[in-house]
PDB file of N, CA and C in Angstrom:
ATOM      1  N   UNK A   1      90.915 106.215  96.146  1.00  0.00           N
ATOM      2  CA  UNK A   1      92.252 106.673  96.447  1.00  0.00           C
ATOM      3  C   UNK A   1      92.901 105.862  97.559  1.00  0.00           C
ATOM      4  N   UNK A   2      92.172 105.703  98.676  1.00  0.00           N
ATOM      5  CA  UNK A   2      92.721 104.948  99.802  1.00  0.00           C
ATOM      6  C   UNK A   2      92.902 103.479  99.432  1.00  0.00           C
ATOM      7  N   UNK A   3      91.919 102.933  98.719  1.00  0.00           N
ATOM      8  CA  UNK A   3      92.006 101.526  98.322  1.00  0.00           C
ATOM      9  C   UNK A   3      93.191 101.317  97.385  1.00  0.00           C
ATOM     10  N   UNK A   4      93.395 102.263  96.466  1.00  0.00           N
ATOM     11  CA  UNK A   4      94.526 102.146  95.538  1.00  0.00           C
ATOM     12  C   UNK A   4      95.848 102.228  96.288  1.00  0.00           C
ATOM     13  N   UNK A   5      95.922 103.101  97.300  1.00  0.00           N
ATOM     14  CA  UNK A   5      97.146 103.236  98.078  1.00  0.00           C
ATOM     15  C   UNK A   5      97.426 101.946  98.843  1.00  0.00           C
ATOM     16  N   UNK A   6      96.377 101.363  99.436  1.00  0.00           N
ATOM     17  CA  UNK A   6      96.555 100.105 100.168  1.00  0.00           C
ATOM     18  C   UNK A   6      97.001  99.003  99.209  1.00  0.00           C
ATOM     19  N   UNK A   7      96.386  98.976  98.008  1.00  0.00           N
ATOM     20  CA  UNK A   7      96.774  97.972  97.014  1.00  0.00           C
ATOM     21  C   UNK A   7      98.242  98.160  96.626  1.00  0.00           C
ATOM     22  N   UNK A   8      98.662  99.425  96.478  1.00  0.00           N
ATOM     23  CA  UNK A   8     100.059  99.703  96.166  1.00  0.00           C
ATOM     24  C   UNK A   8     100.987  99.225  97.272  1.00  0.00           C
ATOM     25  N   UNK A   9     100.571  99.422  98.522  1.00  0.00           N
ATOM     26  CA  UNK A   9     101.388  98.967  99.645  1.00  0.00           C
ATOM     27  C   UNK A   9     101.479  97.444  99.653  1.00  0.00           C
ATOM     28  N   UNK A  10     100.359  96.761  99.311  1.00  0.00           N
ATOM     29  CA  UNK A  10     100.402  95.301  99.255  1.00  0.00           C
ATOM     30  C   UNK A  10     101.356  94.824  98.159  1.00  0.00           C
ATOM     31  N   UNK A  11     101.401  95.574  97.038  1.00  0.00           N
ATOM     32  CA  UNK A  11     102.346  95.215  95.975  1.00  0.00           C
ATOM     33  C   UNK A  11     103.776  95.389  96.473  1.00  0.00           C
ATOM     34  N   UNK A  12     104.024  96.447  97.257  1.00  0.00           N
ATOM     35  CA  UNK A  12     105.361  96.640  97.823  1.00  0.00           C
ATOM     36  C   UNK A  12     105.707  95.494  98.767  1.00  0.00           C
ATOM     37  N   UNK A  13     104.708  95.045  99.529  1.00  0.00           N
ATOM     38  CA  UNK A  13     104.946  93.926 100.446  1.00  0.00           C
ATOM     39  C   UNK A  13     105.346  92.679  99.663  1.00  0.00           C
ATOM     40  N   UNK A  14     104.660  92.446  98.528  1.00  0.00           N
ATOM     41  CA  UNK A  14     104.947  91.234  97.751  1.00  0.00           C
ATOM     42  C   UNK A  14     106.325  91.313  97.088  1.00  0.00           C
ATOM     43  N   UNK A  15     106.779  92.542  96.789  1.00  0.00           N
ATOM     44  CA  UNK A  15     108.076  92.669  96.120  1.00  0.00           C
ATOM     45  C   UNK A  15     109.218  92.860  97.117  1.00  0.00           C
ATOM     46  N   UNK A  16     108.907  93.358  98.302  1.00  0.00           N
ATOM     47  CA  UNK A  16     109.939  93.577  99.323  1.00  0.00           C
ATOM     48  C   UNK A  16     109.561  92.861 100.619  1.00  0.00           C
ATOM     49  N   UNK A  17     109.821  91.548 100.708  1.00  0.00           N
ATOM     50  CA  UNK A  17     109.411  90.779 101.883  1.00  0.00           C
ATOM     51  C   UNK A  17     110.057  91.264 103.179  1.00  0.00           C
ATOM     52  N   UNK A  18     111.210  91.912 103.084  1.00  0.00           N
ATOM     53  CA  UNK A  18     111.910  92.329 104.300  1.00  0.00           C
ATOM     54  C   UNK A  18     111.165  93.451 105.020  1.00  0.00           C
ATOM     55  N   UNK A  19     110.327  94.189 104.275  1.00  0.00           N
ATOM     56  CA  UNK A  19     109.589  95.293 104.880  1.00  0.00           C
ATOM     57  C   UNK A  19     108.137  94.919 105.183  1.00  0.00           C
ATOM     58  N   UNK A  20     107.842  93.612 105.148  1.00  0.00           N
ATOM     59  CA  UNK A  20     106.453  93.177 105.321  1.00  0.00           C
ATOM     60  C   UNK A  20     105.889  93.629 106.659  1.00  0.00           C
ATOM     61  N   UNK A  21     106.661  93.442 107.727  1.00  0.00           N
ATOM     62  CA  UNK A  21     106.143  93.781 109.053  1.00  0.00           C
ATOM     63  C   UNK A  21     105.936  95.291 109.189  1.00  0.00           C
ATOM     64  N   UNK A  22     106.883  96.080 108.659  1.00  0.00           N
ATOM     65  CA  UNK A  22     106.775  97.540 108.769  1.00  0.00           C
ATOM     66  C   UNK A  22     105.574  98.033 107.966  1.00  0.00           C
ATOM     67  N   UNK A  23     105.429  97.554 106.724  1.00  0.00           N
ATOM     68  CA  UNK A  23     104.301  97.989 105.903  1.00  0.00           C
ATOM     69  C   UNK A  23     102.984  97.482 106.481  1.00  0.00           C
ATOM     70  N   UNK A  24     103.010  96.312 107.115  1.00  0.00           N
ATOM     71  CA  UNK A  24     101.800  95.797 107.747  1.00  0.00           C
ATOM     72  C   UNK A  24     101.314  96.740 108.840  1.00  0.00           C
ATOM     73  N   UNK A  25     102.251  97.256 109.640  1.00  0.00           N
ATOM     74  CA  UNK A  25     101.893  98.214 110.686  1.00  0.00           C
ATOM     75  C   UNK A  25     101.368  99.511 110.065  1.00  0.00           C
ATOM     76  N   UNK A  26     102.031  99.973 108.994  1.00  0.00           N
ATOM     77  CA  UNK A  26     101.596 101.207 108.332  1.00  0.00           C
ATOM     78  C   UNK A  26     100.192 101.040 107.755  1.00  0.00           C
ATOM     79  N   UNK A  27      99.934  99.888 107.115  1.00  0.00           N
ATOM     80  CA  UNK A  27      98.607  99.637 106.550  1.00  0.00           C
ATOM     81  C   UNK A  27      97.558  99.605 107.657  1.00  0.00           C
ATOM     82  N   UNK A  28      97.895  98.977 108.785  1.00  0.00           N
ATOM     83  CA  UNK A  28      96.961  98.925 109.901  1.00  0.00           C
ATOM     84  C   UNK A  28      96.674 100.327 110.436  1.00  0.00           C
ATOM     85  N   UNK A  29      97.723 101.156 110.550  1.00  0.00           N
ATOM     86  CA  UNK A  29      97.522 102.519 111.048  1.00  0.00           C
ATOM     87  C   UNK A  29      96.673 103.332 110.074  1.00  0.00           C
ATOM     88  N   UNK A  30      96.944 103.204 108.759  1.00  0.00           N
ATOM     89  CA  UNK A  30      96.140 103.923 107.766  1.00  0.00           C
ATOM     90  C   UNK A  30      94.686 103.469 107.837  1.00  0.00           C
ATOM     91  N   UNK A  31      94.477 102.171 108.027  1.00  0.00           N
ATOM     92  CA  UNK A  31      93.121 101.649 108.116  1.00  0.00           C
ATOM     93  C   UNK A  31      92.397 102.202 109.334  1.00  0.00           C
ATOM     94  N   UNK A  32      93.093 102.245 110.488  1.00  0.00           N
ATOM     95  CA  UNK A  32      92.471 102.771 111.699  1.00  0.00           C
ATOM     96  C   UNK A  32      92.153 104.252 111.560  1.00  0.00           C
ATOM     97  N   UNK A  33      93.084 105.013 110.980  1.00  0.00           N
ATOM     98  CA  UNK A  33      92.854 106.452 110.803  1.00  0.00           C
ATOM     99  C   UNK A  33      91.694 106.691 109.850  1.00  0.00           C
ATOM    100  N   UNK A  34      91.664 105.947 108.748  1.00  0.00           N
ATOM    101  CA  UNK A  34      90.595 106.126 107.757  1.00  0.00           C
ATOM    102  C   UNK A  34      89.239 105.760 108.349  1.00  0.00           C
ATOM    103  N   UNK A  35      89.226 104.797 109.294  1.00  0.00           N
ATOM    104  CA  UNK A  35      87.951 104.360 109.874  1.00  0.00           C
ATOM    105  C   UNK A  35      87.519 105.269 111.020  1.00  0.00           C
ATOM    106  N   UNK A  36      88.458 105.610 111.899  1.00  0.00           N
ATOM    107  CA  UNK A  36      88.100 106.354 113.106  1.00  0.00           C
ATOM    108  C   UNK A  36      87.989 107.850 112.884  1.00  0.00           C
ATOM    109  N   UNK A  37      88.626 108.386 111.842  1.00  0.00           N
ATOM    110  CA  UNK A  37      88.533 109.836 111.609  1.00  0.00           C
ATOM    111  C   UNK A  37      87.109 110.269 111.265  1.00  0.00           C
ATOM    112  N   UNK A  38      86.443 109.659 110.254  1.00  0.00           N
ATOM    113  CA  UNK A  38      85.049 110.052 109.996  1.00  0.00           C
ATOM    114  C   UNK A  38      84.145 109.678 111.168  1.00  0.00           C
ATOM    115  N   UNK A  39      84.436 108.556 111.821  1.00  0.00           N
ATOM    116  CA  UNK A  39      83.623 108.146 112.968  1.00  0.00           C
ATOM    117  C   UNK A  39      83.765 109.154 114.100  1.00  0.00           C
ATOM    118  N   UNK A  40      84.991 109.640 114.311  1.00  0.00           N
ATOM    119  CA  UNK A  40      85.233 110.643 115.347  1.00  0.00           C
ATOM    120  C   UNK A  40      84.510 111.937 115.039  1.00  0.00           C
ATOM    121  N   UNK A  41      84.503 112.326 113.759  1.00  0.00           N
ATOM    122  CA  UNK A  41      83.799 113.551 113.381  1.00  0.00           C
ATOM    123  C   UNK A  41      82.302 113.401 113.659  1.00  0.00           C
ATOM    124  N   UNK A  42      81.751 112.227 113.384  1.00  0.00           N
ATOM    125  CA  UNK A  42      80.322 112.007 113.613  1.00  0.00           C
ATOM    126  C   UNK A  42      80.000 112.049 115.103  1.00  0.00           C
ATOM    127  N   UNK A  43      80.891 111.448 115.908  1.00  0.00           N
ATOM    128  CA  UNK A  43      80.643 111.429 117.351  1.00  0.00           C
ATOM    129  C   UNK A  43      80.791 112.825 117.948  1.00  0.00           C
ATOM    130  N   UNK A  44      81.770 113.595 117.460  1.00  0.00           N
ATOM    131  CA  UNK A  44      81.976 114.938 117.999  1.00  0.00           C
ATOM    132  C   UNK A  44      80.851 115.880 117.588  1.00  0.00           C
ATOM    133  N   UNK A  45      80.290 115.660 116.395  1.00  0.00           N
ATOM    134  CA  UNK A  45      79.206 116.519 115.936  1.00  0.00           C
ATOM    135  C   UNK A  45      77.872 115.934 116.369  1.00  0.00           C
TER     136      UNK A  45
END
């Protein structure tokens, strides 16, 4: 699901170059949340 969403965002980047920087930030934030959320749960537990 997450990989498909990221792939979809990359397709949007390729079709809408004007939003490349904004989508790049969104992809980075989604990546950080997806990585640190399970990691945070493991550290808290």
